[in-house]
Protein backbone atom coordinates (compact mmCIF):
# COMPACT_ATOMS: atom_id res chain seq x y z
CA MET A 1 31.32 41.29 21.95
CA ASN A 2 31.98 41.86 18.28
CA LEU A 3 31.50 45.50 17.39
CA MET A 4 31.64 45.15 13.63
CA HIS A 5 27.85 45.00 13.32
CA TYR A 6 27.78 48.77 13.83
CA TYR A 7 30.09 49.31 10.89
CA SER A 8 28.80 46.59 8.59
CA ASN A 9 25.80 48.64 7.51
CA PRO A 10 26.27 49.25 3.77
CA GLY A 11 25.03 52.83 4.17
CA PHE A 12 28.47 54.07 5.24
CA ASN A 13 29.99 56.12 2.45
CA CYS A 14 33.05 58.20 3.34
CA LEU A 15 32.39 60.55 0.45
CA LYS A 16 28.85 61.43 1.54
CA SER A 17 29.11 60.93 5.27
CA ASN A 18 29.48 63.48 8.06
CA TYR A 19 32.51 61.64 9.38
CA VAL A 20 35.70 62.40 11.19
CA THR A 21 38.98 60.50 11.45
CA VAL A 22 40.47 60.08 14.91
CA TYR A 23 44.17 59.25 15.19
CA CYS A 24 45.29 57.80 18.52
CA TYR A 25 48.82 57.60 19.82
CA ALA A 26 50.05 56.47 23.20
CA ILE A 27 53.53 57.10 24.55
CA SER A 28 54.22 55.02 27.60
CA GLN A 29 57.03 52.53 27.04
CA LYS A 30 59.36 54.70 29.08
CA ASN A 31 57.22 56.12 31.79
CA PRO A 32 55.65 58.53 32.46
CA GLY A 33 53.17 58.07 29.67
CA TRP A 34 50.91 60.27 27.59
CA SER A 35 47.71 59.61 25.73
CA ILE A 36 47.21 61.74 22.63
CA ALA A 37 44.34 62.00 20.15
CA ALA A 38 43.80 64.23 17.14
CA THR A 39 40.54 64.63 15.26
CA TYR A 40 40.71 65.37 11.54
CA LYS A 41 37.98 66.36 9.11
CA SER A 42 37.82 64.49 5.79
CA ASN A 43 39.69 67.33 4.06
CA GLY A 44 42.67 66.86 6.41
CA LYS A 45 41.88 69.89 8.57
CA ILE A 46 42.69 69.42 12.25
CA LEU A 47 39.56 70.04 14.30
CA VAL A 48 40.77 69.34 17.81
CA THR A 49 43.66 67.75 19.63
CA ALA A 50 43.70 66.37 23.14
CA ARG A 51 46.26 64.93 25.49
CA GLN A 52 46.18 63.29 28.88
CA TYR A 53 49.00 62.57 31.28
CA LEU A 54 48.82 58.93 32.36
CA GLY A 55 51.80 58.32 34.59
CA ASN A 56 53.28 54.84 34.78
CA ILE A 57 50.98 52.50 32.86
CA PRO A 58 51.41 49.78 30.22
CA ASP A 59 51.33 50.63 26.53
CA ASN A 60 48.01 48.93 25.65
CA ILE A 61 46.23 50.66 28.53
CA ALA A 62 47.61 54.00 27.33
CA GLU A 63 46.32 53.23 23.82
CA TYR A 64 42.81 52.57 25.13
CA TYR A 65 42.93 55.91 26.95
CA SER A 66 43.92 57.68 23.72
CA ILE A 67 41.02 55.98 21.90
CA ILE A 68 38.57 57.04 24.60
CA LEU A 69 39.93 60.59 24.46
CA GLY A 70 39.59 60.75 20.69
CA LEU A 71 36.08 59.25 20.58
CA LYS A 72 34.87 61.69 23.23
CA LYS A 73 36.20 64.61 21.18
CA ALA A 74 34.51 63.30 18.01
CA GLN A 75 31.28 62.94 19.96
CA GLU A 76 31.56 66.48 21.37
CA LEU A 77 31.88 67.74 17.78
CA ASN A 78 28.60 65.97 16.92
CA PHE A 79 29.93 63.68 14.23
CA ARG A 80 27.74 60.67 13.51
CA ASP A 81 30.41 58.55 11.79
CA VAL A 82 34.01 57.96 12.80
CA ILE A 83 37.11 56.29 11.42
CA LEU A 84 39.31 55.32 14.34
CA CYS A 85 43.02 54.81 13.62
CA SER A 86 45.28 53.17 16.19
CA THR A 87 48.95 52.17 16.19
CA LYS A 88 48.19 49.01 18.16
CA GLN A 89 47.01 46.13 15.97
CA ARG A 90 46.20 44.06 19.06
CA VAL A 91 43.82 46.75 20.34
CA ILE A 92 42.08 46.94 16.94
CA ASN A 93 41.79 43.13 16.93
CA GLN A 94 40.30 43.19 20.44
CA LEU A 95 37.71 45.77 19.39
CA GLU A 96 36.84 43.72 16.30
CA GLY A 97 36.41 40.60 18.43
CA CYS A 98 39.32 38.80 16.74
CA CYS A 99 41.51 38.71 19.81
CA ASP A 100 40.86 37.98 23.47
CA ILE A 101 41.52 40.54 26.16
CA ASP A 102 44.03 38.89 28.44
CA ASP A 103 44.64 41.80 30.81
CA LEU A 104 41.85 42.39 33.32
CA ALA A 105 42.81 46.07 33.55
CA LEU A 106 41.74 46.48 29.90
CA ILE A 107 38.18 45.22 30.36
CA PRO A 108 36.63 48.43 31.78
CA LEU A 109 38.47 50.48 29.15
CA TYR A 110 37.28 48.12 26.40
CA GLN A 111 33.72 48.44 27.70
CA GLN A 112 33.98 52.23 27.66
CA VAL A 113 35.20 52.17 24.05
CA VAL A 114 32.31 49.85 23.12
CA MET A 115 29.85 52.27 24.71
CA LEU A 116 31.39 55.28 22.92
CA LEU A 117 31.45 53.51 19.54
CA SER A 118 27.82 52.52 19.92
CA ARG A 119 26.88 56.20 20.00
CA PHE A 120 28.07 56.68 16.43
CA GLN A 121 25.85 55.67 13.55
CA PHE A 122 28.78 54.05 11.74
CA TYR A 123 32.42 53.52 12.51
CA LYS A 124 35.47 51.93 11.01
CA LEU A 125 38.51 50.65 12.87
CA GLU A 126 41.89 50.88 11.17
CA TYR A 127 45.41 49.95 12.12
CA ARG A 128 47.99 52.57 11.14
CA SER A 129 51.72 52.11 11.49
CA LEU A 130 53.57 54.27 13.95
CA SER A 131 55.24 56.15 11.10
CA GLN A 132 51.85 56.92 9.48
CA VAL A 133 50.44 58.28 12.73
CA ARG A 134 53.60 60.26 13.43
CA VAL A 135 53.12 62.04 10.11
CA MET A 136 49.60 63.03 11.19
CA PHE A 137 50.86 64.26 14.56
CA SER A 138 53.98 65.96 13.23
CA THR A 139 52.01 69.09 12.41
CA ILE A 140 50.91 69.54 16.00
CA PHE A 141 53.28 67.68 18.26
CA ASP A 142 57.05 67.65 18.52
CA ILE A 143 57.58 63.91 18.67
CA THR A 144 61.25 63.07 18.47
CA ALA A 145 62.80 60.16 16.60
CA ASN A 146 62.66 58.25 19.87
CA GLN A 147 59.03 57.14 20.12
CA ASP A 148 59.23 57.10 23.89
CA SER A 149 60.06 60.80 24.19
CA PHE A 150 57.45 63.46 24.53
CA ASN A 151 59.02 66.87 24.45
CA HIS A 152 56.09 69.18 23.81
CA CYS A 153 52.35 68.88 23.48
CA PRO A 154 50.21 72.00 23.18
CA GLY A 155 47.08 72.27 25.24
C-alpha cells in the first residue's frame, strides 16, 4: 500500500498548517533497546517526549515502535498534519511503498503506522541522518557518542 496519496494533496502548506514534527530514534543495536520519540512544534518548541523500553529486538522493529509512539503523541495533541522524521531510510522507503517489507515481524507494525498516518489530514515522511536527529534529541536526552548507549532518558 502506497501511503503517499495522503500527503500528495496540494493543500499542505507548512507555513499555514497546524502541523507538528515528530522525530523518531531507536537504540537497539546493542540490546536492550529503547524506542524514543519527540514531538516539536513548528517554532522548535518541544511539546512532548516519549520513550519505551523494548528489550532485545532488531533495529528496524525498534524504529517502527518509535514511529508509532511519536504518531500517537501527535494524535493525542490533536494535530491534523504531521512531518515524520526517521533515521532509517529503509523504513521511510517501506512507508512510501518504494521498498518491500521482507521481515514478517514488521508487517503488523507497518499496518499500525498506516492506520495512524491515515488519521492525519496530511503527512510528510522524511529521512534524517542520525547526526541530525541527535541534535534534536540532545536537548532532552543524554545520548553519548556511542549510538548504542542510552544513559538517561527522562520520563
